[in-house]
């Protein structure tokens, strides 16, 4: 399995298309984007390199898995944050000052906040396999155990800055014939979310036989 940025763009663009339907719910933007990102992340492969001193000696190993089988991720927090921003924009943009305060920059900040909340809540549950080198005696192989943790995605500011830039470009080109704002925004979100997650660091802690070992890795 691997992250599919092209499919994420397609899924987000479909959300924008569905929003144009006469009976489209007000929640579709928030729920659609959040669900598309969850689907994207669950398509990932996960890998870590694991090592440390454990009860039986020194452990060295690795873990692999997939988002579909070894990750718990929810759209709820992200959806709620984006929806709350949309509600605020609709309710408070009554004056020029409010329009500026609750404009596209505000929306970009809240989308970034929601995506970061989603990543912070991710749980990763792997099984590490490797070797144990005891203080004396032969190396034990195979050896391993449960290896659980999460992912630290520190690129929220880059993601938000990218969204702000894209939204400004969309506004500047809104009257340009043939300009497809939906395609541009969907592509930008897909690129930025892909970078946000692929530059994140997976951190895990061994349990049971390998308690005391830690793992570091990534998703791809």
Foldseek 3Di string as FASTA:
>chain_A
DAQDLVVLLVQQLVLVVQCPDPPDDPLSNLVSNLVSLLVRQQAKKWKKWKWFAFPFATWTWMWIDGSVPFKDFDSPQLSVQLSVLVVLQVPQPPDPVSCVVSDQLVNLLSNLVSLQVRQVPMKGKIKIWGWGDGPDDDIDPGDTAIKIFGKAQPCSVVSSVLSVVLVVVCVVCVPPPPDDSSSSNSSSNSVSSVVRQQPIKTKIAGDDRRGGMIIITGID
